[in-house]
Amino acid sequence: MILVLGNTLESNIPVLTRLWKHSSVKGNHWIWTGAIDDGGNKPYGKITINRKTYIVSRLSLCIFLKLKYNDSWLACHNDSLCGYTLCWNPLHLYVGDKSTNTYDSIKKGTHYKSLKFK
C-alpha cells in the first residue's frame, strides 16, 4: 500500500479504503476504530502507511481539501457539529493552528490546565 495523497480524490482511493476498513459510522460521524494515539488528554486516531504514522483527522483534511501533510497546521473539530476526537468526517473538521486549538479547548473547558483546577 502506498500513500498517494494526490491532487484528486480518485488518486487517494487506496488510503481511503484503509481508513474505512478501520472505521464505523454513527449518524454522520466517521469514527476511527483502529490504532489510537492517547498520549495527551484525548484520544486521536492514527494510521501507519509506509512506516510513517499519520493522525487520521489530519489525513482526512489532506485528502478532501488537497492539503500537504505537515506540522504547520492542525485538524480541529467543529464543536457545534462533533464532539468525537476519533471522528474524521472532513465536514466536522477545520484547519487551525496550536493557538486556535488551545483557545477552543479553553473555551470548552477541556484544556489540560483548566482540568487541573476543576
PDB file of N, CA and C in Angstrom:
ATOM      1  N   MET A   1       0.857  -1.178   0.000  1.00  0.00           N
ATOM      2  CA  MET A   1       0.000   0.000   0.000  1.00  0.00           C
ATOM      3  C   MET A   1       0.897   1.234   0.000  1.00  0.00           C
ATOM      4  N   ILE A   2       0.646   2.119  -0.904  1.00  0.00           N
ATOM      5  CA  ILE A   2       1.413   3.358  -0.945  1.00  0.00           C
ATOM      6  C   ILE A   2       0.517   4.514  -0.543  1.00  0.00           C
ATOM      7  N   LEU A   3       1.110   5.507   0.046  1.00  0.00           N
ATOM      8  CA  LEU A   3       0.390   6.719   0.382  1.00  0.00           C
ATOM      9  C   LEU A   3       0.428   7.612  -0.832  1.00  0.00           C
ATOM     10  N   VAL A   4      -0.716   7.880  -1.408  1.00  0.00           N
ATOM     11  CA  VAL A   4      -0.757   8.646  -2.638  1.00  0.00           C
ATOM     12  C   VAL A   4      -0.885  10.128  -2.331  1.00  0.00           C
ATOM     13  N   LEU A   5      -1.934  10.507  -1.613  1.00  0.00           N
ATOM     14  CA  LEU A   5      -2.214  11.914  -1.326  1.00  0.00           C
ATOM     15  C   LEU A   5      -1.999  12.773  -2.564  1.00  0.00           C
ATOM     16  N   GLY A   6      -2.648  12.370  -3.634  1.00  0.00           N
ATOM     17  CA  GLY A   6      -2.539  13.091  -4.901  1.00  0.00           C
ATOM     18  C   GLY A   6      -3.480  14.274  -4.962  1.00  0.00           C
ATOM     19  N   ASN A   7      -3.593  14.826  -6.134  1.00  0.00           N
ATOM     20  CA  ASN A   7      -4.399  16.026  -6.327  1.00  0.00           C
ATOM     21  C   ASN A   7      -5.880  15.740  -6.507  1.00  0.00           C
ATOM     22  N   THR A   8      -6.253  14.484  -6.678  1.00  0.00           N
ATOM     23  CA  THR A   8      -7.662  14.163  -6.878  1.00  0.00           C
ATOM     24  C   THR A   8      -8.102  13.143  -5.843  1.00  0.00           C
ATOM     25  N   LEU A   9      -9.378  13.142  -5.549  1.00  0.00           N
ATOM     26  CA  LEU A   9      -9.928  12.175  -4.610  1.00  0.00           C
ATOM     27  C   LEU A   9      -9.705  10.758  -5.122  1.00  0.00           C
ATOM     28  N   GLU A  10      -9.834  10.563  -6.421  1.00  0.00           N
ATOM     29  CA  GLU A  10      -9.654   9.239  -7.013  1.00  0.00           C
ATOM     30  C   GLU A  10      -8.252   8.696  -6.761  1.00  0.00           C
ATOM     31  N   SER A  11      -7.252   9.557  -6.760  1.00  0.00           N
ATOM     32  CA  SER A  11      -5.882   9.089  -6.549  1.00  0.00           C
ATOM     33  C   SER A  11      -5.636   8.674  -5.098  1.00  0.00           C
ATOM     34  N   ASN A  12      -6.558   9.010  -4.207  1.00  0.00           N
ATOM     35  CA  ASN A  12      -6.413   8.664  -2.792  1.00  0.00           C
ATOM     36  C   ASN A  12      -7.281   7.479  -2.374  1.00  0.00           C
ATOM     37  N   ILE A  13      -7.866   6.786  -3.327  1.00  0.00           N
ATOM     38  CA  ILE A  13      -8.735   5.658  -3.018  1.00  0.00           C
ATOM     39  C   ILE A  13      -8.029   4.600  -2.162  1.00  0.00           C
ATOM     40  N   PRO A  14      -6.757   4.225  -2.433  1.00  0.00           N
ATOM     41  CA  PRO A  14      -6.117   3.224  -1.562  1.00  0.00           C
ATOM     42  C   PRO A  14      -6.050   3.663  -0.092  1.00  0.00           C
ATOM     43  N   VAL A  15      -5.787   4.918   0.156  1.00  0.00           N
ATOM     44  CA  VAL A  15      -5.727   5.427   1.530  1.00  0.00           C
ATOM     45  C   VAL A  15      -7.125   5.439   2.133  1.00  0.00           C
ATOM     46  N   LEU A  16      -8.104   5.901   1.389  1.00  0.00           N
ATOM     47  CA  LEU A  16      -9.482   5.930   1.891  1.00  0.00           C
ATOM     48  C   LEU A  16      -9.984   4.519   2.206  1.00  0.00           C
ATOM     49  N   THR A  17      -9.605   3.559   1.383  1.00  0.00           N
ATOM     50  CA  THR A  17     -10.004   2.174   1.635  1.00  0.00           C
ATOM     51  C   THR A  17      -9.462   1.702   2.975  1.00  0.00           C
ATOM     52  N   ARG A  18      -8.225   2.024   3.268  1.00  0.00           N
ATOM     53  CA  ARG A  18      -7.639   1.650   4.565  1.00  0.00           C
ATOM     54  C   ARG A  18      -8.330   2.372   5.712  1.00  0.00           C
ATOM     55  N   LEU A  19      -8.654   3.663   5.513  1.00  0.00           N
ATOM     56  CA  LEU A  19      -9.340   4.415   6.571  1.00  0.00           C
ATOM     57  C   LEU A  19     -10.706   3.799   6.876  1.00  0.00           C
ATOM     58  N   TRP A  20     -11.474   3.483   5.832  1.00  0.00           N
ATOM     59  CA  TRP A  20     -12.804   2.924   6.054  1.00  0.00           C
ATOM     60  C   TRP A  20     -12.751   1.530   6.652  1.00  0.00           C
ATOM     61  N   LYS A  21     -11.685   0.790   6.389  1.00  0.00           N
ATOM     62  CA  LYS A  21     -11.543  -0.561   6.935  1.00  0.00           C
ATOM     63  C   LYS A  21     -11.509  -0.536   8.461  1.00  0.00           C
ATOM     64  N   HIS A  22     -11.053   0.574   9.038  1.00  0.00           N
ATOM     65  CA  HIS A  22     -10.918   0.702  10.490  1.00  0.00           C
ATOM     66  C   HIS A  22     -11.836   1.792  11.037  1.00  0.00           C
ATOM     67  N   SER A  23     -13.039   1.882  10.507  1.00  0.00           N
ATOM     68  CA  SER A  23     -13.971   2.931  10.927  1.00  0.00           C
ATOM     69  C   SER A  23     -15.379   2.385  11.048  1.00  0.00           C
ATOM     70  N   SER A  24     -16.184   3.088  11.822  1.00  0.00           N
ATOM     71  CA  SER A  24     -17.613   2.794  11.888  1.00  0.00           C
ATOM     72  C   SER A  24     -18.354   4.115  11.742  1.00  0.00           C
ATOM     73  N   VAL A  25     -19.579   4.035  11.297  1.00  0.00           N
ATOM     74  CA  VAL A  25     -20.396   5.233  11.106  1.00  0.00           C
ATOM     75  C   VAL A  25     -21.445   5.285  12.202  1.00  0.00           C
ATOM     76  N   LYS A  26     -21.493   6.426  12.898  1.00  0.00           N
ATOM     77  CA  LYS A  26     -22.518   6.681  13.912  1.00  0.00           C
ATOM     78  C   LYS A  26     -23.192   7.982  13.523  1.00  0.00           C
ATOM     79  N   GLY A  27     -24.388   7.891  12.945  1.00  0.00           N
ATOM     80  CA  GLY A  27     -25.042   9.091  12.423  1.00  0.00           C
ATOM     81  C   GLY A  27     -24.202   9.646  11.281  1.00  0.00           C
ATOM     82  N   ASN A  28     -23.786  10.894  11.415  1.00  0.00           N
ATOM     83  CA  ASN A  28     -22.920  11.482  10.386  1.00  0.00           C
ATOM     84  C   ASN A  28     -21.464  11.556  10.863  1.00  0.00           C
ATOM     85  N   HIS A  29     -21.130  10.798  11.875  1.00  0.00           N
ATOM     86  CA  HIS A  29     -19.760  10.747  12.388  1.00  0.00           C
ATOM     87  C   HIS A  29     -19.039   9.533  11.811  1.00  0.00           C
ATOM     88  N   TRP A  30     -17.804   9.748  11.372  1.00  0.00           N
ATOM     89  CA  TRP A  30     -16.948   8.668  10.887  1.00  0.00           C
ATOM     90  C   TRP A  30     -15.956   8.368  12.004  1.00  0.00           C
ATOM     91  N   ILE A  31     -16.232   7.357  12.789  1.00  0.00           N
ATOM     92  CA  ILE A  31     -15.460   7.080  13.998  1.00  0.00           C
ATOM     93  C   ILE A  31     -14.329   6.094  13.694  1.00  0.00           C
ATOM     94  N   TRP A  32     -13.123   6.514  13.992  1.00  0.00           N
ATOM     95  CA  TRP A  32     -11.946   5.677  13.803  1.00  0.00           C
ATOM     96  C   TRP A  32     -11.943   4.586  14.866  1.00  0.00           C
ATOM     97  N   THR A  33     -11.784   3.333  14.429  1.00  0.00           N
ATOM     98  CA  THR A  33     -11.761   2.194  15.353  1.00  0.00           C
ATOM     99  C   THR A  33     -10.408   1.484  15.347  1.00  0.00           C
ATOM    100  N   GLY A  34      -9.445   2.044  14.637  1.00  0.00           N
ATOM    101  CA  GLY A  34      -8.114   1.452  14.558  1.00  0.00           C
ATOM    102  C   GLY A  34      -7.224   1.931  15.690  1.00  0.00           C
ATOM    103  N   ALA A  35      -5.942   2.006  15.410  1.00  0.00           N
ATOM    104  CA  ALA A  35      -4.953   2.397  16.421  1.00  0.00           C
ATOM    105  C   ALA A  35      -5.222   3.812  16.923  1.00  0.00           C
ATOM    106  N   ILE A  36      -4.885   4.033  18.195  1.00  0.00           N
ATOM    107  CA  ILE A  36      -5.169   5.320  18.837  1.00  0.00           C
ATOM    108  C   ILE A  36      -3.910   5.884  19.476  1.00  0.00           C
ATOM    109  N   ASP A  37      -3.734   7.175  19.307  1.00  0.00           N
ATOM    110  CA  ASP A  37      -2.671   7.913  19.997  1.00  0.00           C
ATOM    111  C   ASP A  37      -3.344   8.609  21.170  1.00  0.00           C
ATOM    112  N   ASP A  38      -3.109   8.115  22.366  1.00  0.00           N
ATOM    113  CA  ASP A  38      -3.733   8.726  23.544  1.00  0.00           C
ATOM    114  C   ASP A  38      -2.680   9.314  24.475  1.00  0.00           C
ATOM    115  N   GLY A  39      -1.630   9.856  23.881  1.00  0.00           N
ATOM    116  CA  GLY A  39      -0.549  10.450  24.663  1.00  0.00           C
ATOM    117  C   GLY A  39      -0.965  11.713  25.393  1.00  0.00           C
ATOM    118  N   GLY A  40      -1.980  12.395  24.908  1.00  0.00           N
ATOM    119  CA  GLY A  40      -2.471  13.603  25.567  1.00  0.00           C
ATOM    120  C   GLY A  40      -3.680  13.270  26.407  1.00  0.00           C
ATOM    121  N   ASN A  41      -4.529  14.274  26.628  1.00  0.00           N
ATOM    122  CA  ASN A  41      -5.713  14.008  27.450  1.00  0.00           C
ATOM    123  C   ASN A  41      -6.892  13.509  26.617  1.00  0.00           C
ATOM    124  N   LYS A  42      -6.744  13.443  25.283  1.00  0.00           N
ATOM    125  CA  LYS A  42      -7.815  12.964  24.412  1.00  0.00           C
ATOM    126  C   LYS A  42      -7.229  11.989  23.401  1.00  0.00           C
ATOM    127  N   PRO A  43      -8.006  10.958  23.037  1.00  0.00           N
ATOM    128  CA  PRO A  43      -7.514  10.010  22.030  1.00  0.00           C
ATOM    129  C   PRO A  43      -7.722  10.535  20.605  1.00  0.00           C
ATOM    130  N   TYR A  44      -6.764  10.257  19.751  1.00  0.00           N
ATOM    131  CA  TYR A  44      -6.864  10.595  18.335  1.00  0.00           C
ATOM    132  C   TYR A  44      -6.475   9.371  17.529  1.00  0.00           C
ATOM    133  N   GLY A  45      -7.148   9.168  16.403  1.00  0.00           N
ATOM    134  CA  GLY A  45      -6.843   8.034  15.552  1.00  0.00           C
ATOM    135  C   GLY A  45      -5.502   8.214  14.863  1.00  0.00           C
ATOM    136  N   LYS A  46      -4.811   7.092  14.669  1.00  0.00           N
ATOM    137  CA  LYS A  46      -3.547   7.145  13.938  1.00  0.00           C
ATOM    138  C   LYS A  46      -3.468   5.938  13.020  1.00  0.00           C
ATOM    139  N   ILE A  47      -2.758   6.118  11.931  1.00  0.00           N
ATOM    140  CA  ILE A  47      -2.575   5.048  10.962  1.00  0.00           C
ATOM    141  C   ILE A  47      -1.147   5.130  10.441  1.00  0.00           C
ATOM    142  N   THR A  48      -0.534   3.975  10.238  1.00  0.00           N
ATOM    143  CA  THR A  48       0.825   3.928   9.712  1.00  0.00           C
ATOM    144  C   THR A  48       0.770   3.448   8.267  1.00  0.00           C
ATOM    145  N   ILE A  49       1.370   4.236   7.403  1.00  0.00           N
ATOM    146  CA  ILE A  49       1.439   3.917   5.982  1.00  0.00           C
ATOM    147  C   ILE A  49       2.890   4.101   5.559  1.00  0.00           C
ATOM    148  N   ASN A  50       3.457   3.059   4.968  1.00  0.00           N
ATOM    149  CA  ASN A  50       4.863   3.107   4.544  1.00  0.00           C
ATOM    150  C   ASN A  50       5.785   3.539   5.677  1.00  0.00           C
ATOM    151  N   ARG A  51       5.564   2.977   6.860  1.00  0.00           N
ATOM    152  CA  ARG A  51       6.395   3.219   8.048  1.00  0.00           C
ATOM    153  C   ARG A  51       6.310   4.647   8.582  1.00  0.00           C
ATOM    154  N   LYS A  52       5.335   5.407   8.166  1.00  0.00           N
ATOM    155  CA  LYS A  52       5.133   6.754   8.692  1.00  0.00           C
ATOM    156  C   LYS A  52       3.749   6.796   9.326  1.00  0.00           C
ATOM    157  N   THR A  53       3.668   7.368  10.530  1.00  0.00           N
ATOM    158  CA  THR A  53       2.405   7.441  11.245  1.00  0.00           C
ATOM    159  C   THR A  53       1.729   8.782  10.989  1.00  0.00           C
ATOM    160  N   TYR A  54       0.436   8.723  10.719  1.00  0.00           N
ATOM    161  CA  TYR A  54      -0.367   9.907  10.430  1.00  0.00           C
ATOM    162  C   TYR A  54      -1.535   9.986  11.408  1.00  0.00           C
ATOM    163  N   ILE A  55      -1.912  11.196  11.784  1.00  0.00           N
ATOM    164  CA  ILE A  55      -3.133  11.405  12.563  1.00  0.00           C
ATOM    165  C   ILE A  55      -4.295  11.366  11.566  1.00  0.00           C
ATOM    166  N   VAL A  56      -5.289  10.532  11.834  1.00  0.00           N
ATOM    167  CA  VAL A  56      -6.359  10.256  10.881  1.00  0.00           C
ATOM    168  C   VAL A  56      -7.144  11.517  10.514  1.00  0.00           C
ATOM    169  N   SER A  57      -7.477  12.367  11.482  1.00  0.00           N
ATOM    170  CA  SER A  57      -8.259  13.572  11.166  1.00  0.00           C
ATOM    171  C   SER A  57      -7.475  14.515  10.244  1.00  0.00           C
ATOM    172  N   ARG A  58      -6.176  14.635  10.460  1.00  0.00           N
ATOM    173  CA  ARG A  58      -5.340  15.473   9.584  1.00  0.00           C
ATOM    174  C   ARG A  58      -5.235  14.854   8.193  1.00  0.00           C
ATOM    175  N   LEU A  59      -5.109  13.539   8.152  1.00  0.00           N
ATOM    176  CA  LEU A  59      -5.041  12.847   6.871  1.00  0.00           C
ATOM    177  C   LEU A  59      -6.337  13.052   6.086  1.00  0.00           C
ATOM    178  N   SER A  60      -7.451  13.027   6.784  1.00  0.00           N
ATOM    179  CA  SER A  60      -8.745  13.266   6.147  1.00  0.00           C
ATOM    180  C   SER A  60      -8.792  14.644   5.477  1.00  0.00           C
ATOM    181  N   LEU A  61      -8.343  15.662   6.195  1.00  0.00           N
ATOM    182  CA  LEU A  61      -8.338  17.006   5.602  1.00  0.00           C
ATOM    183  C   LEU A  61      -7.374  17.090   4.421  1.00  0.00           C
ATOM    184  N   CYS A  62      -6.268  16.384   4.496  1.00  0.00           N
ATOM    185  CA  CYS A  62      -5.327  16.359   3.364  1.00  0.00           C
ATOM    186  C   CYS A  62      -6.005  15.812   2.119  1.00  0.00           C
ATOM    187  N   ILE A  63      -6.718  14.732   2.284  1.00  0.00           N
ATOM    188  CA  ILE A  63      -7.362  14.079   1.149  1.00  0.00           C
ATOM    189  C   ILE A  63      -8.476  14.942   0.584  1.00  0.00           C
ATOM    190  N   PHE A  64      -9.364  15.414   1.450  1.00  0.00           N
ATOM    191  CA  PHE A  64     -10.559  16.096   0.966  1.00  0.00           C
ATOM    192  C   PHE A  64     -10.339  17.572   0.634  1.00  0.00           C
ATOM    193  N   LEU A  65      -9.359  18.210   1.269  1.00  0.00           N
ATOM    194  CA  LEU A  65      -9.075  19.618   0.967  1.00  0.00           C
ATOM    195  C   LEU A  65      -7.799  19.792   0.145  1.00  0.00           C
ATOM    196  N   LYS A  66      -7.174  18.663  -0.207  1.00  0.00           N
ATOM    197  CA  LYS A  66      -5.948  18.678  -1.024  1.00  0.00           C
ATOM    198  C   LYS A  66      -4.833  19.480  -0.358  1.00  0.00           C
ATOM    199  N   LEU A  67      -4.626  19.212   0.932  1.00  0.00           N
ATOM    200  CA  LEU A  67      -3.575  19.889   1.686  1.00  0.00           C
ATOM    201  C   LEU A  67      -2.339  19.005   1.772  1.00  0.00           C
ATOM    202  N   LYS A  68      -1.211  19.624   2.025  1.00  0.00           N
ATOM    203  CA  LYS A  68       0.021  18.885   2.254  1.00  0.00           C
ATOM    204  C   LYS A  68       0.092  18.524   3.737  1.00  0.00           C
ATOM    205  N   TYR A  69       0.414  17.275   4.034  1.00  0.00           N
ATOM    206  CA  TYR A  69       0.507  16.831   5.425  1.00  0.00           C
ATOM    207  C   TYR A  69       1.836  17.327   5.998  1.00  0.00           C
ATOM    208  N   ASN A  70       1.745  18.250   6.942  1.00  0.00           N
ATOM    209  CA  ASN A  70       2.944  18.729   7.626  1.00  0.00           C
ATOM    210  C   ASN A  70       2.555  19.255   9.004  1.00  0.00           C
ATOM    211  N   ASP A  71       3.523  19.743   9.738  1.00  0.00           N
ATOM    212  CA  ASP A  71       3.282  20.170  11.117  1.00  0.00           C
ATOM    213  C   ASP A  71       2.885  21.638  11.252  1.00  0.00           C
ATOM    214  N   SER A  72       2.609  22.317  10.151  1.00  0.00           N
ATOM    215  CA  SER A  72       2.287  23.743  10.240  1.00  0.00           C
ATOM    216  C   SER A  72       0.813  24.003  10.558  1.00  0.00           C
ATOM    217  N   TRP A  73      -0.017  22.958  10.584  1.00  0.00           N
ATOM    218  CA  TRP A  73      -1.444  23.126  10.862  1.00  0.00           C
ATOM    219  C   TRP A  73      -1.986  21.908  11.606  1.00  0.00           C
ATOM    220  N   LEU A  74      -3.163  22.091  12.202  1.00  0.00           N
ATOM    221  CA  LEU A  74      -3.846  21.012  12.924  1.00  0.00           C
ATOM    222  C   LEU A  74      -5.241  20.820  12.353  1.00  0.00           C
ATOM    223  N   ALA A  75      -5.775  19.651  12.521  1.00  0.00           N
ATOM    224  CA  ALA A  75      -7.180  19.389  12.202  1.00  0.00           C
ATOM    225  C   ALA A  75      -7.961  19.594  13.496  1.00  0.00           C
ATOM    226  N   CYS A  76      -8.787  20.619  13.547  1.00  0.00           N
ATOM    227  CA  CYS A  76      -9.579  20.931  14.739  1.00  0.00           C
ATOM    228  C   CYS A  76     -11.024  20.490  14.504  1.00  0.00           C
ATOM    229  N   HIS A  77     -11.683  20.057  15.563  1.00  0.00           N
ATOM    230  CA  HIS A  77     -13.071  19.622  15.466  1.00  0.00           C
ATOM    231  C   HIS A  77     -14.019  20.793  15.692  1.00  0.00           C
ATOM    232  N   ASN A  78     -15.022  20.882  14.839  1.00  0.00           N
ATOM    233  CA  ASN A  78     -16.057  21.892  14.977  1.00  0.00           C
ATOM    234  C   ASN A  78     -17.019  21.405  16.062  1.00  0.00           C
ATOM    235  N   ASP A  79     -16.966  22.029  17.217  1.00  0.00           N
ATOM    236  CA  ASP A  79     -17.725  21.548  18.373  1.00  0.00           C
ATOM    237  C   ASP A  79     -19.229  21.608  18.189  1.00  0.00           C
ATOM    238  N   SER A  80     -19.711  22.498  17.340  1.00  0.00           N
ATOM    239  CA  SER A  80     -21.163  22.560  17.140  1.00  0.00           C
ATOM    240  C   SER A  80     -21.655  21.372  16.307  1.00  0.00           C
ATOM    241  N   LEU A  81     -20.737  20.686  15.624  1.00  0.00           N
ATOM    242  CA  LEU A  81     -21.111  19.533  14.806  1.00  0.00           C
ATOM    243  C   LEU A  81     -20.678  18.208  15.404  1.00  0.00           C
ATOM    244  N   CYS A  82     -19.575  18.234  16.157  1.00  0.00           N
ATOM    245  CA  CYS A  82     -18.965  16.969  16.538  1.00  0.00           C
ATOM    246  C   CYS A  82     -18.154  17.116  17.822  1.00  0.00           C
ATOM    247  N   GLY A  83     -18.321  16.163  18.701  1.00  0.00           N
ATOM    248  CA  GLY A  83     -17.532  16.162  19.921  1.00  0.00           C
ATOM    249  C   GLY A  83     -16.618  14.956  20.021  1.00  0.00           C
ATOM    250  N   TYR A  84     -16.524  14.200  18.944  1.00  0.00           N
ATOM    251  CA  TYR A  84     -15.709  12.984  18.946  1.00  0.00           C
ATOM    252  C   TYR A  84     -14.309  13.262  18.409  1.00  0.00           C
ATOM    253  N   THR A  85     -13.295  13.077  19.220  1.00  0.00           N
ATOM    254  CA  THR A  85     -11.927  13.275  18.723  1.00  0.00           C
ATOM    255  C   THR A  85     -11.542  12.185  17.729  1.00  0.00           C
ATOM    256  N   LEU A  86     -12.244  11.060  17.750  1.00  0.00           N
ATOM    257  CA  LEU A  86     -11.948   9.979  16.817  1.00  0.00           C
ATOM    258  C   LEU A  86     -12.722  10.098  15.503  1.00  0.00           C
ATOM    259  N   CYS A  87     -13.509  11.158  15.349  1.00  0.00           N
ATOM    260  CA  CYS A  87     -14.252  11.386  14.111  1.00  0.00           C
ATOM    261  C   CYS A  87     -13.321  12.002  13.062  1.00  0.00           C
ATOM    262  N   TRP A  88     -13.393  11.473  11.841  1.00  0.00           N
ATOM    263  CA  TRP A  88     -12.552  12.006  10.769  1.00  0.00           C
ATOM    264  C   TRP A  88     -13.374  12.503   9.580  1.00  0.00           C
ATOM    265  N   ASN A  89     -14.670  12.745   9.807  1.00  0.00           N
ATOM    266  CA  ASN A  89     -15.511  13.326   8.760  1.00  0.00           C
ATOM    267  C   ASN A  89     -15.005  14.748   8.476  1.00  0.00           C
ATOM    268  N   PRO A  90     -14.567  15.034   7.249  1.00  0.00           N
ATOM    269  CA  PRO A  90     -13.994  16.353   6.964  1.00  0.00           C
ATOM    270  C   PRO A  90     -14.985  17.499   7.147  1.00  0.00           C
ATOM    271  N   LEU A  91     -16.276  17.209   7.120  1.00  0.00           N
ATOM    272  CA  LEU A  91     -17.276  18.258   7.347  1.00  0.00           C
ATOM    273  C   LEU A  91     -17.339  18.667   8.815  1.00  0.00           C
ATOM    274  N   HIS A  92     -16.734  17.867   9.694  1.00  0.00           N
ATOM    275  CA  HIS A  92     -16.704  18.165  11.122  1.00  0.00           C
ATOM    276  C   HIS A  92     -15.380  18.774  11.555  1.00  0.00           C
ATOM    277  N   LEU A  93     -14.479  18.967  10.615  1.00  0.00           N
ATOM    278  CA  LEU A  93     -13.129  19.437  10.911  1.00  0.00           C
ATOM    279  C   LEU A  93     -12.855  20.772  10.243  1.00  0.00           C
ATOM    280  N   TYR A  94     -11.905  21.492  10.794  1.00  0.00           N
ATOM    281  CA  TYR A  94     -11.410  22.697  10.132  1.00  0.00           C
ATOM    282  C   TYR A  94      -9.920  22.817  10.389  1.00  0.00           C
ATOM    283  N   VAL A  95      -9.248  23.548   9.517  1.00  0.00           N
ATOM    284  CA  VAL A  95      -7.806  23.745   9.639  1.00  0.00           C
ATOM    285  C   VAL A  95      -7.551  24.841  10.655  1.00  0.00           C
ATOM    286  N   GLY A  96      -6.721  24.545  11.623  1.00  0.00           N
ATOM    287  CA  GLY A  96      -6.354  25.526  12.639  1.00  0.00           C
ATOM    288  C   GLY A  96      -4.880  25.401  12.966  1.00  0.00           C
ATOM    289  N   ASP A  97      -4.472  26.126  13.987  1.00  0.00           N
ATOM    290  CA  ASP A  97      -3.091  26.027  14.454  1.00  0.00           C
ATOM    291  C   ASP A  97      -3.113  25.761  15.959  1.00  0.00           C
ATOM    292  N   LYS A  98      -1.956  25.699  16.583  1.00  0.00           N
ATOM    293  CA  LYS A  98      -1.897  25.396  18.021  1.00  0.00           C
ATOM    294  C   LYS A  98      -2.640  26.431  18.843  1.00  0.00           C
ATOM    295  N   SER A  99      -2.549  27.686  18.449  1.00  0.00           N
ATOM    296  CA  SER A  99      -3.232  28.754  19.166  1.00  0.00           C
ATOM    297  C   SER A  99      -4.752  28.584  19.087  1.00  0.00           C
ATOM    298  N   THR A 100      -5.263  28.300  17.894  1.00  0.00           N
ATOM    299  CA  THR A 100      -6.696  28.082  17.703  1.00  0.00           C
ATOM    300  C   THR A 100      -7.165  26.887  18.528  1.00  0.00           C
ATOM    301  N   ASN A 101      -6.401  25.823  18.485  1.00  0.00           N
ATOM    302  CA  ASN A 101      -6.761  24.611  19.197  1.00  0.00           C
ATOM    303  C   ASN A 101      -6.767  24.844  20.708  1.00  0.00           C
ATOM    304  N   THR A 102      -5.773  25.566  21.217  1.00  0.00           N
ATOM    305  CA  THR A 102      -5.714  25.877  22.646  1.00  0.00           C
ATOM    306  C   THR A 102      -6.903  26.735  23.058  1.00  0.00           C
ATOM    307  N   TYR A 103      -7.196  27.767  22.266  1.00  0.00           N
ATOM    308  CA  TYR A 103      -8.336  28.636  22.561  1.00  0.00           C
ATOM    309  C   TYR A 103      -9.630  27.829  22.614  1.00  0.00           C
ATOM    310  N   ASP A 104      -9.827  26.944  21.625  1.00  0.00           N
ATOM    311  CA  ASP A 104     -11.031  26.118  21.596  1.00  0.00           C
ATOM    312  C   ASP A 104     -11.137  25.228  22.827  1.00  0.00           C
ATOM    313  N   SER A 105     -10.015  24.613  23.246  1.00  0.00           N
ATOM    314  CA  SER A 105     -10.074  23.709  24.398  1.00  0.00           C
ATOM    315  C   SER A 105     -10.310  24.476  25.702  1.00  0.00           C
ATOM    316  N   ILE A 106      -9.791  25.690  25.808  1.00  0.00           N
ATOM    317  CA  ILE A 106     -10.063  26.513  26.996  1.00  0.00           C
ATOM    318  C   ILE A 106     -11.536  26.899  27.029  1.00  0.00           C
ATOM    319  N   LYS A 107     -12.054  27.296  25.874  1.00  0.00           N
ATOM    320  CA  LYS A 107     -13.464  27.692  25.764  1.00  0.00           C
ATOM    321  C   LYS A 107     -14.385  26.532  26.143  1.00  0.00           C
ATOM    322  N   LYS A 108     -14.018  25.293  25.758  1.00  0.00           N
ATOM    323  CA  LYS A 108     -14.822  24.116  26.065  1.00  0.00           C
ATOM    324  C   LYS A 108     -14.600  23.618  27.482  1.00  0.00           C
ATOM    325  N   GLY A 109     -13.511  24.074  28.122  1.00  0.00           N
ATOM    326  CA  GLY A 109     -13.180  23.588  29.454  1.00  0.00           C
ATOM    327  C   GLY A 109     -12.473  22.255  29.440  1.00  0.00           C
ATOM    328  N   THR A 110     -11.872  21.901  28.304  1.00  0.00           N
ATOM    329  CA  THR A 110     -11.183  20.620  28.200  1.00  0.00           C
ATOM    330  C   THR A 110      -9.666  20.779  28.110  1.00  0.00           C
ATOM    331  N   HIS A 111      -9.164  22.001  28.225  1.00  0.00           N
ATOM    332  CA  HIS A 111      -7.720  22.219  28.181  1.00  0.00           C
ATOM    333  C   HIS A 111      -7.107  21.599  29.434  1.00  0.00           C
ATOM    334  N   TYR A 112      -5.940  20.976  29.279  1.00  0.00           N
ATOM    335  CA  TYR A 112      -5.354  20.245  30.400  1.00  0.00           C
ATOM    336  C   TYR A 112      -5.096  21.138  31.607  1.00  0.00           C
ATOM    337  N   LYS A 113      -4.767  22.407  31.423  1.00  0.00           N
ATOM    338  CA  LYS A 113      -4.549  23.300  32.572  1.00  0.00           C
ATOM    339  C   LYS A 113      -5.866  23.632  33.255  1.00  0.00           C
ATOM    340  N   SER A 114      -6.943  23.804  32.492  1.00  0.00           N
ATOM    341  CA  SER A 114      -8.223  24.108  33.129  1.00  0.00           C
ATOM    342  C   SER A 114      -8.775  22.878  33.836  1.00  0.00           C
ATOM    343  N   LEU A 115      -8.408  21.682  33.385  1.00  0.00           N
ATOM    344  CA  LEU A 115      -8.871  20.466  34.060  1.00  0.00           C
ATOM    345  C   LEU A 115      -8.265  20.311  35.444  1.00  0.00           C
ATOM    346  N   LYS A 116      -7.051  20.830  35.639  1.00  0.00           N
ATOM    347  CA  LYS A 116      -6.369  20.718  36.925  1.00  0.00           C
ATOM    348  C   LYS A 116      -7.087  21.501  38.018  1.00  0.00           C
ATOM    349  N   PHE A 117      -7.825  22.530  37.642  1.00  0.00           N
ATOM    350  CA  PHE A 117      -8.453  23.399  38.622  1.00  0.00           C
ATOM    351  C   PHE A 117      -9.930  23.110  38.836  1.00  0.00           C
ATOM    352  N   LYS A 118     -10.460  22.078  38.231  1.00  0.00           N
ATOM    353  CA  LYS A 118     -11.875  21.754  38.404  1.00  0.00           C
ATOM    354  C   LYS A 118     -12.100  20.884  39.603  1.00  0.00           C
TER     355      LYS A 118
END
